[in-house]
Amino acid sequence: HAVAVRAAAIGTDPAAAVRAADGHRLLCAHREGPWGVAHWNHQVERWLGEATGSPVGAAWGHEWYAGRPVLVTANDYGLGLFNGDTGLTVVDTDPEQGERLRVVMADGRLTSFAPSRLGDIETLHAMTVHKSQGSQAADVTVLLPDPDSPLLTRELFYTAVTRAQQSVRVVGSEAAVRAAVATTAQRATGLRQRLSGT
């Protein structure tokens, strides 16, 4: 998927590139670790570099590259960007400035920005299930952690699979799937004690 998105991002139709990027989401329960967002963002960038012959990603000193999907992580009222907004880095050919990278937002208007103008963003090859709430994609891949993960609950699993509009692929052991279905989230709000005065 990342190779096709990169090819579209180098092309001349930013709307098609954004649609390609938004067609699939890779969802993880954790941010860190072998089943976490950081690991899988790095893996996708490594595979993308191998497939294209051009290293990409911060690990190789190329933080900005055509095909880098991004997630806004804090509101920027000056730019009209809000936590949860997504975009894609594309090649823009300007008659006066030549080729340059722009981040095209998936906002329906295809608003674009120079990467240097964006502050609180992260790479979006993979994202946490928590951050995916409220969004959908045609196809979703869910990477389940080990069965003993405290985040692996029925609620997380339900949220992950319901992000898919057409298809969902679950990657994990049978034990992880069983744990996800069998475990309900334990909420420790203390509300019951406060209401009862104990």
Foldseek 3Di string as FASTA:
>chain_A
DLLVLLVVQADDDQVVSFLVVQQEAEAAAACDDPRHDVNVLVVVQVVNCVVVVHRDPVVVPHPDGFSFKKAACADDVVLPDHGLWIWGWHWDQDPVPGTAIWTFTPPVVRDIHHPVVGDRMDTGNHDYLVSCPPAAHQEYEYEFDPLPDLSQALVSVVSRQVSHPHYYHYDDDPSSVVSNNPHHHDDDPCPVCVVVVD
